[in-house]
């Protein structure tokens, strides 16, 4: 029986095209990531302007009366902290992790899957796969985008309320505001750690995911214990919290295998290559 001929030249040509396309994407990601620090001041400015404008609209449409400065402060402060939290997280992380600093590896490994050979600090930095480029650039963008997405979801879903509201209303407002403030800060820190190739970045991101899940359950537990909680409010809040939990679990399911097995992640953050 005659077997069909395998057109090796065509396969090799497709392989070359695929390699060239991959190399072009990596180079574009390098340019994008290297330009990020230069553009962050503009990003921060636009963030403060847009969130401030949206928060001002929300305050003007408060469902509770604003009779004095105390009433205004009770609503204004959570929004102000939500706006400033990612900026503070970004600034503090920049100061804590200076650029071009060779940070030491942790004393013990959590990522034990696979067989690896350790590299020296300078050897890992000289490796072609070193740096938050390629697919890692998508994770950087995702962590940044998570800040406005969660923040504007909070603005849209939770009305502005002060102490004139029922206990369940102020509990929802304060707990959801604290969730946004804390996670905005943590994701900004994770972004800087990833950008600066800090070895503890994968653990910090795992910690942020765990805290994100913890806050959703804490909000549900805290609000459920308040008296006279309307059924329709409880259902709407449950849907919001379920959506937040689902997004965290989806992010973890997508990125955890990459963070554990990617050559780039292991070279950049763990100073090791596959044995």
Protein backbone atom coordinates (compact mmCIF):
# COMPACT_ATOMS: atom_id res chain seq x y z
CA UNK A 1 0.00 0.00 0.00
CA UNK A 2 1.30 3.43 -0.89
CA UNK A 3 1.42 5.92 1.94
CA UNK A 4 0.66 9.61 1.28
CA UNK A 5 3.80 11.69 1.10
CA UNK A 6 4.41 14.09 3.97
CA UNK A 7 5.17 17.53 2.57
CA UNK A 8 7.96 18.38 4.99
CA UNK A 9 8.80 21.75 3.34
CA UNK A 10 5.24 22.96 3.95
CA UNK A 11 5.36 21.88 7.59
CA UNK A 12 8.70 23.60 8.07
CA UNK A 13 7.34 26.74 6.42
CA UNK A 14 4.32 26.77 8.76
CA UNK A 15 6.65 26.24 11.72
CA UNK A 16 8.81 29.19 10.62
CA UNK A 17 5.72 31.38 10.23
CA UNK A 18 4.51 30.36 13.70
CA UNK A 19 7.92 31.08 15.24
CA UNK A 20 8.15 34.44 13.48
CA UNK A 21 4.63 35.38 14.62
CA UNK A 22 5.44 34.37 18.18
CA UNK A 23 8.68 36.35 18.15
CA UNK A 24 6.84 39.43 16.83
CA UNK A 25 4.24 39.17 19.59
CA UNK A 26 6.94 38.84 22.24
CA UNK A 27 8.76 41.88 20.89
CA UNK A 28 5.54 43.90 20.88
CA UNK A 29 4.87 42.83 24.46
CA UNK A 30 8.40 43.91 25.43
CA UNK A 31 7.82 47.38 24.02
CA UNK A 32 4.43 47.58 25.72
CA UNK A 33 5.69 46.48 29.14
CA UNK A 34 8.76 48.72 29.02
CA UNK A 35 6.52 51.70 28.19
CA UNK A 36 4.11 50.99 31.07
CA UNK A 37 6.11 52.78 33.81
CA UNK A 38 6.33 55.87 31.62
CA UNK A 39 2.57 55.90 31.05
CA UNK A 40 1.43 55.12 34.57
CA UNK A 41 1.31 58.77 35.66
CA UNK A 42 -1.17 59.51 32.87
CA UNK A 43 -3.12 56.37 33.74
CA UNK A 44 -3.28 57.45 37.40
CA UNK A 45 -4.44 60.94 36.45
CA UNK A 46 -7.24 59.61 34.23
CA UNK A 47 -8.21 57.09 36.90
CA UNK A 48 -8.62 59.81 39.52
CA UNK A 49 -10.58 62.02 37.13
CA UNK A 50 -12.99 59.32 35.91
CA UNK A 51 -13.55 57.66 39.27
CA UNK A 52 -13.89 61.05 40.97
CA UNK A 53 -16.52 62.15 38.46
CA UNK A 54 -18.46 58.89 38.82
CA UNK A 55 -18.25 59.07 42.62
CA UNK A 56 -19.49 62.68 42.59
CA UNK A 57 -22.54 61.60 40.60
CA UNK A 58 -23.14 58.77 43.05
CA UNK A 59 -22.85 61.12 46.06
CA UNK A 60 -25.26 63.60 44.45
CA UNK A 61 -27.74 60.73 44.02
CA UNK A 62 -27.37 59.51 47.61
CA UNK A 63 -30.35 57.55 48.87
CA UNK A 64 -29.95 59.11 52.31
CA UNK A 65 -30.11 62.83 53.16
CA UNK A 66 -26.91 64.86 53.49
CA UNK A 67 -27.67 67.46 56.13
CA UNK A 68 -24.20 68.41 57.35
CA UNK A 69 -20.48 67.79 56.81
CA UNK A 70 -20.56 64.60 58.85
CA UNK A 71 -23.23 63.12 56.59
CA UNK A 72 -21.14 64.09 53.56
CA UNK A 73 -17.93 62.71 55.05
CA UNK A 74 -19.56 59.34 55.79
CA UNK A 75 -20.21 58.94 52.05
CA UNK A 76 -17.20 60.79 50.67
CA UNK A 77 -14.46 58.97 52.61
CA UNK A 78 -15.13 55.44 51.29
CA UNK A 79 -15.08 56.72 47.71
CA UNK A 80 -11.93 58.76 48.32
CA UNK A 81 -10.14 55.74 49.83
CA UNK A 82 -11.27 53.53 46.95
CA UNK A 83 -9.79 56.04 44.50
CA UNK A 84 -6.51 56.48 46.40
CA UNK A 85 -5.94 52.83 47.37
CA UNK A 86 -4.48 51.66 44.03
CA UNK A 87 -2.37 54.81 43.77
CA UNK A 88 -0.96 54.25 47.26
CA UNK A 89 -0.42 50.56 46.54
CA UNK A 90 1.45 51.42 43.37
CA UNK A 91 3.61 54.11 45.04
CA UNK A 92 4.42 52.01 48.11
CA UNK A 93 5.33 48.98 45.99
CA UNK A 94 7.57 51.11 43.77
CA UNK A 95 9.44 52.32 46.85
CA UNK A 96 9.60 48.83 48.38
CA UNK A 97 10.86 47.13 45.21
CA UNK A 98 13.35 49.40 43.39
CA UNK A 99 14.01 48.79 39.72
CA UNK A 100 16.94 46.58 38.66
CA UNK A 101 17.33 45.15 42.16
CA UNK A 102 18.17 41.44 42.41
CA UNK A 103 15.77 40.23 45.11
CA UNK A 104 16.62 36.97 46.91
CA UNK A 105 14.62 33.81 46.32
CA UNK A 106 12.35 32.63 49.18
CA UNK A 107 13.77 30.02 51.52
CA UNK A 108 11.24 27.33 50.55
CA UNK A 109 9.26 26.47 47.43
CA UNK A 110 5.51 26.27 47.09
CA UNK A 111 5.60 25.43 43.35
CA UNK A 112 6.94 21.85 43.52
CA UNK A 113 5.45 20.51 40.30
CA UNK A 114 8.02 19.36 37.72
CA UNK A 115 11.78 18.88 37.72
CA UNK A 116 13.88 22.04 37.75
CA UNK A 117 17.48 23.20 37.73
CA UNK A 118 18.29 26.35 39.69
CA UNK A 119 19.97 29.32 38.05
CA UNK A 120 22.10 32.00 39.61
CA UNK A 121 20.57 35.49 39.88
CA UNK A 122 22.66 36.85 37.01
CA UNK A 123 22.17 33.71 34.90
CA UNK A 124 18.39 33.97 35.19
CA UNK A 125 18.46 37.63 34.16
CA UNK A 126 20.59 36.77 31.14
CA UNK A 127 18.16 34.03 30.07
CA UNK A 128 16.07 34.82 26.92
CA UNK A 129 12.85 34.01 28.80
CA UNK A 130 13.51 36.45 31.66
CA UNK A 131 11.05 39.30 32.15
CA UNK A 132 7.28 39.91 32.35
CA UNK A 133 6.80 39.71 28.60
CA UNK A 134 4.84 37.53 26.22
CA UNK A 135 1.80 35.99 27.89
CA UNK A 136 2.82 37.59 31.21
CA UNK A 137 1.99 40.98 29.70
CA UNK A 138 -1.65 39.85 29.52
CA UNK A 139 -1.60 39.13 33.25
CA UNK A 140 -0.17 42.58 33.94
CA UNK A 141 -2.98 44.19 31.95
CA UNK A 142 -5.54 41.95 33.67
CA UNK A 143 -4.41 43.01 37.14
CA UNK A 144 -4.59 46.66 36.15
CA UNK A 145 -8.03 46.33 34.55
CA UNK A 146 -9.37 44.51 37.60
CA UNK A 147 -9.07 47.78 39.56
CA UNK A 148 -11.48 49.91 37.47
CA UNK A 149 -13.80 46.97 36.77
CA UNK A 150 -14.33 46.17 40.46
CA UNK A 151 -14.50 49.86 41.38
CA UNK A 152 -17.13 50.80 38.82
CA UNK A 153 -19.13 47.65 39.63
CA UNK A 154 -19.22 48.89 43.23
CA UNK A 155 -20.35 52.34 42.09
CA UNK A 156 -23.08 50.87 39.91
CA UNK A 157 -24.35 48.21 42.31
CA UNK A 158 -24.20 49.86 45.75
CA UNK A 159 -26.02 53.15 46.41
CA UNK A 160 -24.28 55.85 48.43
CA UNK A 161 -25.51 55.76 52.04
CA UNK A 162 -24.63 57.33 55.37
CA UNK A 163 -25.76 56.62 58.94
CA UNK A 164 -29.33 57.72 58.13
CA UNK A 165 -29.76 54.44 56.25
CA UNK A 166 -30.96 51.22 57.93
CA UNK A 167 -28.28 49.10 59.56
CA UNK A 168 -28.28 46.62 56.71
CA UNK A 169 -27.76 49.46 54.22
CA UNK A 170 -24.73 50.95 55.96
CA UNK A 171 -23.33 47.43 56.47
CA UNK A 172 -23.51 46.73 52.73
CA UNK A 173 -22.03 50.11 51.82
CA UNK A 174 -19.13 49.94 54.27
CA UNK A 175 -18.27 46.27 53.70
CA UNK A 176 -18.37 46.52 49.90
CA UNK A 177 -16.35 49.75 50.04
CA UNK A 178 -13.73 48.07 52.24
CA UNK A 179 -13.58 45.14 49.81
CA UNK A 180 -12.88 47.48 46.88
CA UNK A 181 -10.33 49.53 48.86
CA UNK A 182 -8.36 46.49 50.03
CA UNK A 183 -8.39 44.69 46.66
CA UNK A 184 -7.47 47.84 44.72
CA UNK A 185 -4.43 48.18 46.97
CA UNK A 186 -3.43 44.51 46.71
CA UNK A 187 -3.78 44.24 42.94
CA UNK A 188 -1.73 47.42 42.48
CA UNK A 189 1.04 45.90 44.64
CA UNK A 190 0.85 42.66 42.63
CA UNK A 191 1.18 44.65 39.41
CA UNK A 192 4.38 46.34 40.56
CA UNK A 193 5.86 43.09 41.87
CA UNK A 194 5.20 41.40 38.54
CA UNK A 195 6.58 44.36 36.59
CA UNK A 196 9.75 44.49 38.73
CA UNK A 197 10.27 40.68 38.51
CA UNK A 198 10.08 40.21 42.29
CA UNK A 199 10.33 36.49 43.25
CA UNK A 200 7.44 36.73 45.73
CA UNK A 201 4.99 37.90 43.03
CA UNK A 202 3.29 34.51 42.43
CA UNK A 203 2.71 34.10 46.17
CA UNK A 204 1.43 37.66 46.46
CA UNK A 205 -1.06 37.08 43.66
CA UNK A 206 -2.21 33.85 45.30
CA UNK A 207 -2.63 35.78 48.58
CA UNK A 208 -4.67 38.45 46.76
CA UNK A 209 -6.98 35.81 45.29
CA UNK A 210 -7.46 34.21 48.72
CA UNK A 211 -8.20 37.59 50.31
CA UNK A 212 -10.63 38.40 47.52
CA UNK A 213 -12.58 35.21 48.23
CA UNK A 214 -12.40 35.82 51.99
CA UNK A 215 -13.86 39.31 51.63
CA UNK A 216 -16.83 38.02 49.61
CA UNK A 217 -17.72 35.52 52.35
CA UNK A 218 -17.08 38.15 55.05
CA UNK A 219 -19.49 40.58 53.36
CA UNK A 220 -22.17 37.90 53.08
CA UNK A 221 -21.75 36.87 56.73
CA UNK A 222 -21.72 40.45 58.03
CA UNK A 223 -24.77 41.62 56.07
CA UNK A 224 -26.76 38.44 56.76
CA UNK A 225 -26.53 39.19 60.47
CA UNK A 226 -28.14 42.62 60.21
CA UNK A 227 -31.84 42.94 61.17
CA UNK A 228 -34.69 43.58 58.70
CA UNK A 229 -32.66 42.81 55.58
CA UNK A 230 -35.14 42.90 52.64
CA UNK A 231 -35.31 39.69 50.62
CA UNK A 232 -34.80 41.46 47.28
CA UNK A 233 -31.66 43.18 48.61
CA UNK A 234 -30.31 39.89 49.93
CA UNK A 235 -30.86 38.25 46.54
CA UNK A 236 -29.19 41.12 44.63
CA UNK A 237 -26.23 41.14 47.02
CA UNK A 238 -25.86 37.36 46.74
CA UNK A 239 -25.76 37.63 42.95
CA UNK A 240 -23.08 40.33 43.15
CA UNK A 241 -20.94 38.31 45.57
CA UNK A 242 -21.39 35.12 43.52
CA UNK A 243 -20.23 37.02 40.44
CA UNK A 244 -17.12 38.24 42.26
CA UNK A 245 -16.31 34.74 43.51
CA UNK A 246 -16.79 33.28 40.03
CA UNK A 247 -14.43 35.83 38.49
CA UNK A 248 -11.73 35.08 41.07
CA UNK A 249 -12.05 31.33 40.57
CA UNK A 250 -11.94 31.69 36.78
CA UNK A 251 -8.83 33.89 37.01
CA UNK A 252 -7.15 31.37 39.30
CA UNK A 253 -8.10 28.44 37.05
CA UNK A 254 -6.65 30.21 34.01
CA UNK A 255 -3.48 31.62 35.53
CA UNK A 256 -2.41 29.09 38.18
CA UNK A 257 -1.23 26.45 35.66
CA UNK A 258 0.68 29.15 33.79
CA UNK A 259 2.25 30.50 36.99
CA UNK A 260 3.34 26.99 37.97
CA UNK A 261 4.60 25.61 34.65
CA UNK A 262 5.55 28.52 32.38
CA UNK A 263 9.24 28.71 31.52
CA UNK A 264 9.10 32.49 31.60
CA UNK A 265 7.52 32.58 35.07
CA UNK A 266 9.98 30.05 36.46
CA UNK A 267 13.00 31.84 34.99
CA UNK A 268 11.79 35.30 35.99
CA UNK A 269 10.39 34.68 39.46
CA UNK A 270 11.97 31.41 40.57
CA UNK A 271 15.38 31.53 38.85
CA UNK A 272 15.12 27.99 37.51
CA UNK A 273 14.71 26.10 34.23
CA UNK A 274 13.31 22.69 33.43
CA UNK A 275 15.83 19.94 34.16
